[in-house]
Amino acid sequence: MAPANPLPLEQVESSLSDAEPVSQQELNAWRRGFTPQAEIWNGRLAMLGLSVGLGVLLLVRLVGG
């Protein structure tokens, strides 16, 4: 396997500063496809599903004895 050649720090910092600021409404918009908005909603729904699943499991264990 070939060794990784990381980018110089100056190039990384300049590429990060090129990002445009996005409004809160645009960031929370429901967009389909491989977009940053879809990734944000995917993470939110995954955490919601995990929380509900753990809550149900806890309730079943407590009530079921």
C-alpha atoms as a PDB file:
ATOM      1  CA  MET A   1       0.000   0.000   0.000  1.00  0.00           C
ATOM      2  CA  ALA A   2       1.374   3.405  -0.973  1.00  0.00           C
ATOM      3  CA  PRO A   3       1.919   5.993   1.773  1.00  0.00           C
ATOM      4  CA  ALA A   4      -0.614   8.804   1.931  1.00  0.00           C
ATOM      5  CA  ASN A   5       0.563  12.234   0.867  1.00  0.00           C
ATOM      6  CA  PRO A   6      -1.388  14.759   2.958  1.00  0.00           C
ATOM      7  CA  LEU A   7      -2.046  18.237   1.632  1.00  0.00           C
ATOM      8  CA  PRO A   8       0.068  21.091   2.971  1.00  0.00           C
ATOM      9  CA  LEU A   9      -1.602  22.976   5.828  1.00  0.00           C
ATOM     10  CA  GLU A  10      -1.782  26.211   3.816  1.00  0.00           C
ATOM     11  CA  GLN A  11      -3.714  24.469   1.041  1.00  0.00           C
ATOM     12  CA  VAL A  12      -6.140  22.891   3.509  1.00  0.00           C
ATOM     13  CA  GLU A  13      -6.763  26.213   5.270  1.00  0.00           C
ATOM     14  CA  SER A  14      -7.353  28.010   1.973  1.00  0.00           C
ATOM     15  CA  SER A  15      -9.791  25.344   0.777  1.00  0.00           C
ATOM     16  CA  LEU A  16     -11.709  25.609   4.069  1.00  0.00           C
ATOM     17  CA  SER A  17     -11.924  29.387   3.832  1.00  0.00           C
ATOM     18  CA  ASP A  18     -13.378  29.141   0.296  1.00  0.00           C
ATOM     19  CA  ALA A  19     -16.653  27.726   1.669  1.00  0.00           C
ATOM     20  CA  GLU A  20     -19.660  29.998   1.294  1.00  0.00           C
ATOM     21  CA  PRO A  21     -21.776  30.738   4.352  1.00  0.00           C
ATOM     22  CA  VAL A  22     -25.202  29.122   4.144  1.00  0.00           C
ATOM     23  CA  SER A  23     -28.390  30.440   5.699  1.00  0.00           C
ATOM     24  CA  GLN A  24     -30.132  28.412   8.412  1.00  0.00           C
ATOM     25  CA  GLN A  25     -33.218  27.952   6.203  1.00  0.00           C
ATOM     26  CA  GLU A  26     -31.126  26.559   3.360  1.00  0.00           C
ATOM     27  CA  LEU A  27     -29.261  24.227   5.689  1.00  0.00           C
ATOM     28  CA  ASN A  28     -32.511  22.799   7.097  1.00  0.00           C
ATOM     29  CA  ALA A  29     -34.246  22.494   3.713  1.00  0.00           C
ATOM     30  CA  TRP A  30     -35.488  19.060   2.702  1.00  0.00           C
ATOM     31  CA  ARG A  31     -33.317  18.147  -0.303  1.00  0.00           C
ATOM     32  CA  ARG A  32     -33.066  14.765  -1.946  1.00  0.00           C
ATOM     33  CA  GLY A  33     -29.892  13.155  -3.227  1.00  0.00           C
ATOM     34  CA  PHE A  34     -26.348  13.367  -1.964  1.00  0.00           C
ATOM     35  CA  THR A  35     -26.504  16.876  -0.556  1.00  0.00           C
ATOM     36  CA  PRO A  36     -25.344  18.324   2.766  1.00  0.00           C
ATOM     37  CA  GLN A  37     -28.991  18.889   3.697  1.00  0.00           C
ATOM     38  CA  ALA A  38     -29.831  15.219   3.122  1.00  0.00           C
ATOM     39  CA  GLU A  39     -26.855  14.171   5.245  1.00  0.00           C
ATOM     40  CA  ILE A  40     -27.994  16.429   8.089  1.00  0.00           C
ATOM     41  CA  TRP A  41     -31.522  14.987   7.977  1.00  0.00           C
ATOM     42  CA  ASN A  42     -30.127  11.464   7.758  1.00  0.00           C
ATOM     43  CA  GLY A  43     -28.151  12.027  10.951  1.00  0.00           C
ATOM     44  CA  ARG A  44     -31.132  13.540  12.737  1.00  0.00           C
ATOM     45  CA  LEU A  45     -33.443  10.685  11.779  1.00  0.00           C
ATOM     46  CA  ALA A  46     -30.822   8.083  12.673  1.00  0.00           C
ATOM     47  CA  MET A  47     -30.424   9.570  16.155  1.00  0.00           C
ATOM     48  CA  LEU A  48     -34.199   9.739  16.551  1.00  0.00           C
ATOM     49  CA  GLY A  49     -34.528   6.076  15.558  1.00  0.00           C
ATOM     50  CA  LEU A  50     -31.744   5.057  17.905  1.00  0.00           C
ATOM     51  CA  SER A  51     -33.282   7.000  20.790  1.00  0.00           C
ATOM     52  CA  VAL A  52     -36.759   5.564  20.197  1.00  0.00           C
ATOM     53  CA  GLY A  53     -35.353   2.047  19.862  1.00  0.00           C
ATOM     54  CA  LEU A  54     -33.391   2.305  23.098  1.00  0.00           C
ATOM     55  CA  GLY A  55     -36.410   3.823  24.851  1.00  0.00           C
ATOM     56  CA  VAL A  56     -38.670   0.979  23.729  1.00  0.00           C
ATOM     57  CA  LEU A  57     -36.083  -1.577  24.772  1.00  0.00           C
ATOM     58  CA  LEU A  58     -35.784   0.043  28.200  1.00  0.00           C
ATOM     59  CA  LEU A  59     -39.563   0.142  28.655  1.00  0.00           C
ATOM     60  CA  VAL A  60     -39.939  -3.503  27.635  1.00  0.00           C
ATOM     61  CA  ARG A  61     -37.226  -4.523  30.102  1.00  0.00           C
ATOM     62  CA  LEU A  62     -38.746  -2.478  32.931  1.00  0.00           C
ATOM     63  CA  VAL A  63     -42.384  -3.472  32.332  1.00  0.00           C
ATOM     64  CA  GLY A  64     -41.709  -7.059  31.235  1.00  0.00           C
ATOM     65  CA  GLY A  65     -39.588  -7.724  34.292  1.00  0.00           C
END
